[in-house]
Amino acid sequence: MAARDLEPGALACTTCPIGAASGVGHGGRCPLVDRRRRAGAYLYLEGGPAEKVWFVKEGRVVLTREADDRRGEGIAWTARGPGAMIGAEALVRPTYVDSARAVCDSTVCTASREAMAHWMAAREGAARTVLDLVLIAQSVDAPRRSGSDGSAVRRVAVFLLEDPRGTSSELPRRVIAGFLGMLPETLSRALKVLAERGVIETTRRTVRIADRAKLEEAARPEPVRPRAAAVR
């Protein structure tokens, strides 16, 4: 895929950290191979054999994990976009800890764990490149929100402020609701409130910030209401 054919935010092989570490622009060979995945396709499943390492080149991949109280129904906990390595646990354990699913048409690169381990051992600086990618991904992962983080409106406002690349336009509303610890219906009501205040403009698939100052105001911590004194 030529650089000019990539969507905005996507990576060309020469600008990809793995490609750069492989010297792709100077005749080197990258251990990763491009794979196209349609929206909704699973890359791997939680608990399945961890046989490959993946790298997101274009699009968006959501990671889900089963909760003890909701077995069989994975909860989305983060989204990874271009430049993110996923499934890196394949290098150190036999099974995947999450399920990974493309939420839009995506280009992902993959290599067997054997090929990746060989590349890391043979190429100077390769292991550090992988470590940096894993640490960067972990550093931007936010904890799953809950009611203790404020009202639904505040949680949505904070999410939109933390979403400078507009990933909310690519993610299904039920996935965003999972990130924020609320039901999809609650998310819809919060978006409606923000839209009625002139903070955002929404369609069925997109959310656009209309007034950033108002959005920042909506994201501020809510004042703690004093409890009524106990009557003796």
C-alpha atoms as a PDB file:
ATOM      1  CA  MET A   1       0.000   0.000   0.000  1.00  0.00           C
ATOM      2  CA  ALA A   2       1.510   3.318  -1.025  1.00  0.00           C
ATOM      3  CA  ALA A   3       1.607   6.196   1.428  1.00  0.00           C
ATOM      4  CA  ARG A   4      -0.746   8.247  -0.730  1.00  0.00           C
ATOM      5  CA  ASP A   5      -3.380   5.499  -0.503  1.00  0.00           C
ATOM      6  CA  LEU A   6      -3.514   5.566   3.287  1.00  0.00           C
ATOM      7  CA  GLU A   7      -6.243   7.261   5.267  1.00  0.00           C
ATOM      8  CA  PRO A   8      -5.269  10.232   7.462  1.00  0.00           C
ATOM      9  CA  GLY A   9      -3.502   8.965  10.582  1.00  0.00           C
ATOM     10  CA  ALA A  10      -2.441   5.717   8.925  1.00  0.00           C
ATOM     11  CA  LEU A  11       1.213   4.728   8.766  1.00  0.00           C
ATOM     12  CA  ALA A  12       3.363   3.915   5.760  1.00  0.00           C
ATOM     13  CA  CYS A  13       5.951   1.133   6.152  1.00  0.00           C
ATOM     14  CA  THR A  14       8.795   3.643   6.126  1.00  0.00           C
ATOM     15  CA  THR A  15       7.277   5.689   8.977  1.00  0.00           C
ATOM     16  CA  CYS A  16       6.079   2.725  11.056  1.00  0.00           C
ATOM     17  CA  PRO A  17       8.401   2.202  14.076  1.00  0.00           C
ATOM     18  CA  ILE A  18       8.810  -1.499  13.236  1.00  0.00           C
ATOM     19  CA  GLY A  19       9.484  -0.711   9.572  1.00  0.00           C
ATOM     20  CA  ALA A  20      11.953   2.011  10.497  1.00  0.00           C
ATOM     21  CA  ALA A  21      13.775  -0.307  12.903  1.00  0.00           C
ATOM     22  CA  SER A  22      13.906  -2.893  10.101  1.00  0.00           C
ATOM     23  CA  GLY A  23      15.473  -0.391   7.691  1.00  0.00           C
ATOM     24  CA  VAL A  24      12.625  -0.795   5.208  1.00  0.00           C
ATOM     25  CA  GLY A  25      13.561   2.412   3.419  1.00  0.00           C
ATOM     26  CA  HIS A  26      17.103   1.097   2.924  1.00  0.00           C
ATOM     27  CA  GLY A  27      16.471  -2.406   1.665  1.00  0.00           C
ATOM     28  CA  GLY A  28      15.642  -3.999   5.007  1.00  0.00           C
ATOM     29  CA  ARG A  29      12.792  -6.440   5.501  1.00  0.00           C
ATOM     30  CA  CYS A  30      10.064  -5.991   8.105  1.00  0.00           C
ATOM     31  CA  PRO A  31       8.864  -9.110   9.976  1.00  0.00           C
ATOM     32  CA  LEU A  32       5.250  -7.879   9.791  1.00  0.00           C
ATOM     33  CA  VAL A  33       2.878  -8.600   6.908  1.00  0.00           C
ATOM     34  CA  ASP A  34      -0.130  -6.412   6.012  1.00  0.00           C
ATOM     35  CA  ARG A  35      -3.581  -7.876   6.523  1.00  0.00           C
ATOM     36  CA  ARG A  36      -6.873  -6.151   5.720  1.00  0.00           C
ATOM     37  CA  ARG A  37      -9.704  -6.690   8.195  1.00  0.00           C
ATOM     38  CA  ARG A  38     -13.310  -5.638   7.718  1.00  0.00           C
ATOM     39  CA  ALA A  39     -15.280  -3.861  10.441  1.00  0.00           C
ATOM     40  CA  GLY A  40     -16.421  -6.380  13.053  1.00  0.00           C
ATOM     41  CA  ALA A  41     -13.708  -8.947  12.315  1.00  0.00           C
ATOM     42  CA  TYR A  42     -11.879 -10.489  15.256  1.00  0.00           C
ATOM     43  CA  LEU A  43      -8.094 -10.618  15.181  1.00  0.00           C
ATOM     44  CA  TYR A  44      -7.816 -12.932  18.166  1.00  0.00           C
ATOM     45  CA  LEU A  45      -9.854 -14.137  21.137  1.00  0.00           C
ATOM     46  CA  GLU A  46      -9.286 -13.957  24.875  1.00  0.00           C
ATOM     47  CA  GLY A  47      -7.842 -17.238  26.097  1.00  0.00           C
ATOM     48  CA  GLY A  48      -6.993 -18.367  22.561  1.00  0.00           C
ATOM     49  CA  PRO A  49      -3.517 -19.537  21.518  1.00  0.00           C
ATOM     50  CA  ALA A  50      -1.215 -16.492  21.382  1.00  0.00           C
ATOM     51  CA  GLU A  51       0.543 -17.343  18.135  1.00  0.00           C
ATOM     52  CA  LYS A  52       0.892 -13.893  16.547  1.00  0.00           C
ATOM     53  CA  VAL A  53       1.793 -10.306  17.383  1.00  0.00           C
ATOM     54  CA  TRP A  54      -0.216  -7.506  15.736  1.00  0.00           C
ATOM     55  CA  PHE A  55       0.380  -3.875  14.812  1.00  0.00           C
ATOM     56  CA  VAL A  56      -2.376  -1.406  13.844  1.00  0.00           C
ATOM     57  CA  LYS A  57      -1.411   0.403  10.639  1.00  0.00           C
ATOM     58  CA  GLU A  58      -4.767   1.952   9.760  1.00  0.00           C
ATOM     59  CA  GLY A  59      -8.199   2.019  11.385  1.00  0.00           C
ATOM     60  CA  ARG A  60      -9.231   1.201  14.936  1.00  0.00           C
ATOM     61  CA  VAL A  61      -9.199  -1.974  17.047  1.00  0.00           C
ATOM     62  CA  VAL A  62     -11.087  -2.408  20.321  1.00  0.00           C
ATOM     63  CA  LEU A  63      -9.852  -4.684  23.096  1.00  0.00           C
ATOM     64  CA  THR A  64     -12.455  -6.434  25.238  1.00  0.00           C
ATOM     65  CA  ARG A  65     -12.171  -8.595  28.325  1.00  0.00           C
ATOM     66  CA  GLU A  66     -14.672 -10.732  30.167  1.00  0.00           C
ATOM     67  CA  ALA A  67     -15.723  -9.564  33.608  1.00  0.00           C
ATOM     68  CA  ASP A  68     -16.236 -12.024  36.438  1.00  0.00           C
ATOM     69  CA  ASP A  69     -19.870 -10.985  36.784  1.00  0.00           C
ATOM     70  CA  ARG A  70     -20.611 -11.079  33.046  1.00  0.00           C
ATOM     71  CA  ARG A  71     -18.984 -14.230  31.731  1.00  0.00           C
ATOM     72  CA  GLY A  72     -19.225 -14.656  27.986  1.00  0.00           C
ATOM     73  CA  GLU A  73     -19.868 -10.946  27.384  1.00  0.00           C
ATOM     74  CA  GLY A  74     -16.632  -9.093  26.827  1.00  0.00           C
ATOM     75  CA  ILE A  75     -16.456  -5.501  28.047  1.00  0.00           C
ATOM     76  CA  ALA A  76     -14.599  -3.018  25.853  1.00  0.00           C
ATOM     77  CA  TRP A  77     -11.851  -1.355  27.872  1.00  0.00           C
ATOM     78  CA  THR A  78      -9.659   0.436  25.326  1.00  0.00           C
ATOM     79  CA  ALA A  79      -9.278   1.256  21.637  1.00  0.00           C
ATOM     80  CA  ARG A  80      -6.013   1.172  19.740  1.00  0.00           C
ATOM     81  CA  GLY A  81      -5.303   3.098  16.544  1.00  0.00           C
ATOM     82  CA  PRO A  82      -2.461   3.503  14.044  1.00  0.00           C
ATOM     83  CA  GLY A  83       0.944   2.954  15.615  1.00  0.00           C
ATOM     84  CA  ALA A  84      -0.242   0.617  18.391  1.00  0.00           C
ATOM     85  CA  MET A  85       1.046  -2.898  18.967  1.00  0.00           C
ATOM     86  CA  ILE A  86      -1.497  -5.388  20.273  1.00  0.00           C
ATOM     87  CA  GLY A  87      -1.264  -9.001  21.293  1.00  0.00           C
ATOM     88  CA  ALA A  88       2.332  -8.468  22.416  1.00  0.00           C
ATOM     89  CA  GLU A  89       1.667 -10.857  25.300  1.00  0.00           C
ATOM     90  CA  ALA A  90       2.230 -13.593  22.714  1.00  0.00           C
ATOM     91  CA  LEU A  91       5.954 -12.997  23.255  1.00  0.00           C
ATOM     92  CA  VAL A  92       5.775 -14.039  26.910  1.00  0.00           C
ATOM     93  CA  ARG A  93       2.677 -16.224  27.435  1.00  0.00           C
ATOM     94  CA  PRO A  94       0.757 -18.941  25.550  1.00  0.00           C
ATOM     95  CA  THR A  95      -2.709 -17.318  25.484  1.00  0.00           C
ATOM     96  CA  TYR A  96      -4.156 -13.862  24.739  1.00  0.00           C
ATOM     97  CA  VAL A  97      -5.452 -11.835  27.679  1.00  0.00           C
ATOM     98  CA  ASP A  98      -8.012  -9.902  25.587  1.00  0.00           C
ATOM     99  CA  SER A  99     -10.117 -10.229  22.471  1.00  0.00           C
ATOM    100  CA  ALA A 100      -9.288  -7.800  19.646  1.00  0.00           C
ATOM    101  CA  ARG A 101     -11.889  -6.672  17.105  1.00  0.00           C
ATOM    102  CA  ALA A 102     -11.696  -4.165  14.266  1.00  0.00           C
ATOM    103  CA  VAL A 103     -14.455  -1.565  14.681  1.00  0.00           C
ATOM    104  CA  CYS A 104     -13.948  -0.121  11.198  1.00  0.00           C
ATOM    105  CA  ASP A 105     -12.223  -1.365   8.052  1.00  0.00           C
ATOM    106  CA  SER A 106      -8.607  -1.604   9.184  1.00  0.00           C
ATOM    107  CA  THR A 107      -5.143  -2.571   8.030  1.00  0.00           C
ATOM    108  CA  VAL A 108      -3.219  -4.542  10.612  1.00  0.00           C
ATOM    109  CA  CYS A 109       0.225  -6.058  10.281  1.00  0.00           C
ATOM    110  CA  THR A 110       1.066  -9.387  11.860  1.00  0.00           C
ATOM    111  CA  ALA A 111       3.974 -11.726  12.487  1.00  0.00           C
ATOM    112  CA  SER A 112       4.260 -15.069  14.215  1.00  0.00           C
ATOM    113  CA  ARG A 113       5.762 -14.879  17.672  1.00  0.00           C
ATOM    114  CA  GLU A 114       8.701 -16.965  16.410  1.00  0.00           C
ATOM    115  CA  ALA A 115       9.387 -14.509  13.570  1.00  0.00           C
ATOM    116  CA  MET A 116       9.034 -11.558  15.932  1.00  0.00           C
ATOM    117  CA  ALA A 117      11.348 -13.095  18.526  1.00  0.00           C
ATOM    118  CA  HIS A 118      13.948 -13.857  15.843  1.00  0.00           C
ATOM    119  CA  TRP A 119      13.746 -10.270  14.522  1.00  0.00           C
ATOM    120  CA  MET A 120      14.148  -8.846  18.030  1.00  0.00           C
ATOM    121  CA  ALA A 121      17.207 -10.998  18.667  1.00  0.00           C
ATOM    122  CA  ALA A 122      18.858 -10.351  15.307  1.00  0.00           C
ATOM    123  CA  ARG A 123      18.205  -6.624  14.818  1.00  0.00           C
ATOM    124  CA  GLU A 124      19.949  -4.086  17.002  1.00  0.00           C
ATOM    125  CA  GLY A 125      17.461  -1.842  18.780  1.00  0.00           C
ATOM    126  CA  ALA A 126      14.469  -4.002  17.770  1.00  0.00           C
ATOM    127  CA  ALA A 127      13.646  -5.140  21.299  1.00  0.00           C
ATOM    128  CA  ARG A 128      13.690  -1.536  22.525  1.00  0.00           C
ATOM    129  CA  THR A 129      11.328  -0.531  19.709  1.00  0.00           C
ATOM    130  CA  VAL A 130       8.811  -3.188  20.782  1.00  0.00           C
ATOM    131  CA  LEU A 131       9.143  -2.191  24.430  1.00  0.00           C
ATOM    132  CA  ASP A 132       8.534   1.476  23.577  1.00  0.00           C
ATOM    133  CA  LEU A 133       5.401   0.598  21.579  1.00  0.00           C
ATOM    134  CA  VAL A 134       3.969  -1.484  24.428  1.00  0.00           C
ATOM    135  CA  LEU A 135       4.705   1.179  27.044  1.00  0.00           C
ATOM    136  CA  ILE A 136       3.276   3.994  24.903  1.00  0.00           C
ATOM    137  CA  ALA A 137       0.035   2.053  24.396  1.00  0.00           C
ATOM    138  CA  GLN A 138      -0.272   1.359  28.121  1.00  0.00           C
ATOM    139  CA  SER A 139       0.468   4.971  29.050  1.00  0.00           C
ATOM    140  CA  VAL A 140      -2.554   6.282  27.139  1.00  0.00           C
ATOM    141  CA  ASP A 141      -5.010   3.605  28.241  1.00  0.00           C
ATOM    142  CA  ALA A 142      -7.508   5.157  30.629  1.00  0.00           C
ATOM    143  CA  PRO A 143      -9.188   3.200  33.436  1.00  0.00           C
ATOM    144  CA  ARG A 144     -12.779   2.246  32.796  1.00  0.00           C
ATOM    145  CA  ARG A 145     -15.056   4.978  34.124  1.00  0.00           C
ATOM    146  CA  SER A 146     -17.792   4.474  36.677  1.00  0.00           C
ATOM    147  CA  GLY A 147     -20.404   6.431  38.563  1.00  0.00           C
ATOM    148  CA  SER A 148     -17.740   7.589  41.013  1.00  0.00           C
ATOM    149  CA  ASP A 149     -16.254   9.694  38.181  1.00  0.00           C
ATOM    150  CA  GLY A 150     -19.314  11.934  38.118  1.00  0.00           C
ATOM    151  CA  SER A 151     -22.560  12.193  36.210  1.00  0.00           C
ATOM    152  CA  ALA A 152     -23.036  10.676  32.785  1.00  0.00           C
ATOM    153  CA  VAL A 153     -22.836  14.136  31.210  1.00  0.00           C
ATOM    154  CA  ARG A 154     -19.508  14.865  32.896  1.00  0.00           C
ATOM    155  CA  ARG A 155     -18.029  11.488  31.936  1.00  0.00           C
ATOM    156  CA  VAL A 156     -19.001  12.012  28.294  1.00  0.00           C
ATOM    157  CA  ALA A 157     -17.547  15.530  28.322  1.00  0.00           C
ATOM    158  CA  VAL A 158     -14.246  14.281  29.758  1.00  0.00           C
ATOM    159  CA  PHE A 159     -14.103  11.522  27.144  1.00  0.00           C
ATOM    160  CA  LEU A 160     -14.603  13.987  24.291  1.00  0.00           C
ATOM    161  CA  LEU A 161     -11.904  16.293  25.649  1.00  0.00           C
ATOM    162  CA  GLU A 162      -9.493  13.353  25.888  1.00  0.00           C
ATOM    163  CA  ASP A 163     -10.286  12.342  22.307  1.00  0.00           C
ATOM    164  CA  PRO A 164      -8.270  14.812  20.173  1.00  0.00           C
ATOM    165  CA  ARG A 165      -8.113  12.496  17.141  1.00  0.00           C
ATOM    166  CA  GLY A 166     -11.865  12.103  16.970  1.00  0.00           C
ATOM    167  CA  THR A 167     -11.870   8.381  17.681  1.00  0.00           C
ATOM    168  CA  SER A 168     -15.433   8.696  18.950  1.00  0.00           C
ATOM    169  CA  SER A 169     -16.510   9.041  15.316  1.00  0.00           C
ATOM    170  CA  GLU A 170     -15.115   5.574  14.588  1.00  0.00           C
ATOM    171  CA  LEU A 171     -16.342   3.733  17.665  1.00  0.00           C
ATOM    172  CA  PRO A 172     -19.830   2.256  18.063  1.00  0.00           C
ATOM    173  CA  ARG A 173     -21.842   4.019  20.753  1.00  0.00           C
ATOM    174  CA  ARG A 174     -22.153   0.802  22.767  1.00  0.00           C
ATOM    175  CA  VAL A 175     -18.337   0.583  22.887  1.00  0.00           C
ATOM    176  CA  ILE A 176     -18.032   4.170  24.122  1.00  0.00           C
ATOM    177  CA  ALA A 177     -20.714   3.460  26.709  1.00  0.00           C
ATOM    178  CA  GLY A 178     -18.647   0.503  27.923  1.00  0.00           C
ATOM    179  CA  PHE A 179     -15.576   2.717  28.290  1.00  0.00           C
ATOM    180  CA  LEU A 180     -17.605   5.134  30.400  1.00  0.00           C
ATOM    181  CA  GLY A 181     -19.279   2.532  32.593  1.00  0.00           C
ATOM    182  CA  MET A 182     -22.829   3.277  31.458  1.00  0.00           C
ATOM    183  CA  LEU A 183     -25.609   1.798  29.371  1.00  0.00           C
ATOM    184  CA  PRO A 184     -25.905   2.869  25.696  1.00  0.00           C
ATOM    185  CA  GLU A 185     -29.252   4.482  26.551  1.00  0.00           C
ATOM    186  CA  THR A 186     -27.569   6.575  29.252  1.00  0.00           C
ATOM    187  CA  LEU A 187     -24.894   7.666  26.768  1.00  0.00           C
ATOM    188  CA  SER A 188     -27.576   8.725  24.290  1.00  0.00           C
ATOM    189  CA  ARG A 189     -29.304  10.838  26.935  1.00  0.00           C
ATOM    190  CA  ALA A 190     -26.013  12.493  27.946  1.00  0.00           C
ATOM    191  CA  LEU A 191     -25.187  13.318  24.326  1.00  0.00           C
ATOM    192  CA  LYS A 192     -28.664  14.781  23.892  1.00  0.00           C
ATOM    193  CA  VAL A 193     -28.176  17.017  26.943  1.00  0.00           C
ATOM    194  CA  LEU A 194     -24.832  18.278  25.617  1.00  0.00           C
ATOM    195  CA  ALA A 195     -26.336  18.873  22.171  1.00  0.00           C
ATOM    196  CA  GLU A 196     -29.277  20.826  23.639  1.00  0.00           C
ATOM    197  CA  ARG A 197     -26.787  23.029  25.516  1.00  0.00           C
ATOM    198  CA  GLY A 198     -24.967  23.788  22.261  1.00  0.00           C
ATOM    199  CA  VAL A 199     -21.835  21.984  23.432  1.00  0.00           C
ATOM    200  CA  ILE A 200     -21.725  19.383  20.645  1.00  0.00           C
ATOM    201  CA  GLU A 201     -23.371  18.541  17.335  1.00  0.00           C
ATOM    202  CA  THR A 202     -24.281  14.913  16.738  1.00  0.00           C
ATOM    203  CA  THR A 203     -25.501  12.594  14.031  1.00  0.00           C
ATOM    204  CA  ARG A 204     -26.131   8.874  14.304  1.00  0.00           C
ATOM    205  CA  ARG A 205     -22.433   8.190  13.664  1.00  0.00           C
ATOM    206  CA  THR A 206     -20.485  11.336  14.554  1.00  0.00           C
ATOM    207  CA  VAL A 207     -19.938  13.778  17.387  1.00  0.00           C
ATOM    208  CA  ARG A 208     -18.448  17.213  16.741  1.00  0.00           C
ATOM    209  CA  ILE A 209     -17.410  19.690  19.438  1.00  0.00           C
ATOM    210  CA  ALA A 210     -19.321  22.926  18.808  1.00  0.00           C
ATOM    211  CA  ASP A 211     -18.185  24.937  21.838  1.00  0.00           C
ATOM    212  CA  ARG A 212     -14.994  23.780  23.545  1.00  0.00           C
ATOM    213  CA  ALA A 213     -15.318  26.250  26.429  1.00  0.00           C
ATOM    214  CA  LYS A 214     -18.745  24.857  27.289  1.00  0.00           C
ATOM    215  CA  LEU A 215     -17.402  21.307  26.969  1.00  0.00           C
ATOM    216  CA  GLU A 216     -14.596  22.095  29.419  1.00  0.00           C
ATOM    217  CA  GLU A 217     -17.185  23.532  31.800  1.00  0.00           C
ATOM    218  CA  ALA A 218     -19.282  20.378  31.536  1.00  0.00           C
ATOM    219  CA  ALA A 219     -16.193  18.272  32.281  1.00  0.00           C
ATOM    220  CA  ARG A 220     -15.342  20.045  35.530  1.00  0.00           C
ATOM    221  CA  PRO A 221     -15.796  18.048  38.729  1.00  0.00           C
ATOM    222  CA  GLU A 222     -19.221  18.529  40.184  1.00  0.00           C
ATOM    223  CA  PRO A 223     -19.384  20.242  43.598  1.00  0.00           C
ATOM    224  CA  VAL A 224     -19.837  17.916  46.521  1.00  0.00           C
ATOM    225  CA  ARG A 225     -23.186  18.477  48.127  1.00  0.00           C
ATOM    226  CA  PRO A 226     -23.046  18.561  51.929  1.00  0.00           C
ATOM    227  CA  ARG A 227     -24.988  15.847  53.618  1.00  0.00           C
ATOM    228  CA  ALA A 228     -27.902  16.861  55.737  1.00  0.00           C
ATOM    229  CA  ALA A 229     -27.151  16.828  59.456  1.00  0.00           C
ATOM    230  CA  ALA A 230     -28.568  13.849  61.253  1.00  0.00           C
ATOM    231  CA  VAL A 231     -31.599  14.646  63.377  1.00  0.00           C
ATOM    232  CA  ARG A 232     -31.148  13.536  66.955  1.00  0.00           C
END
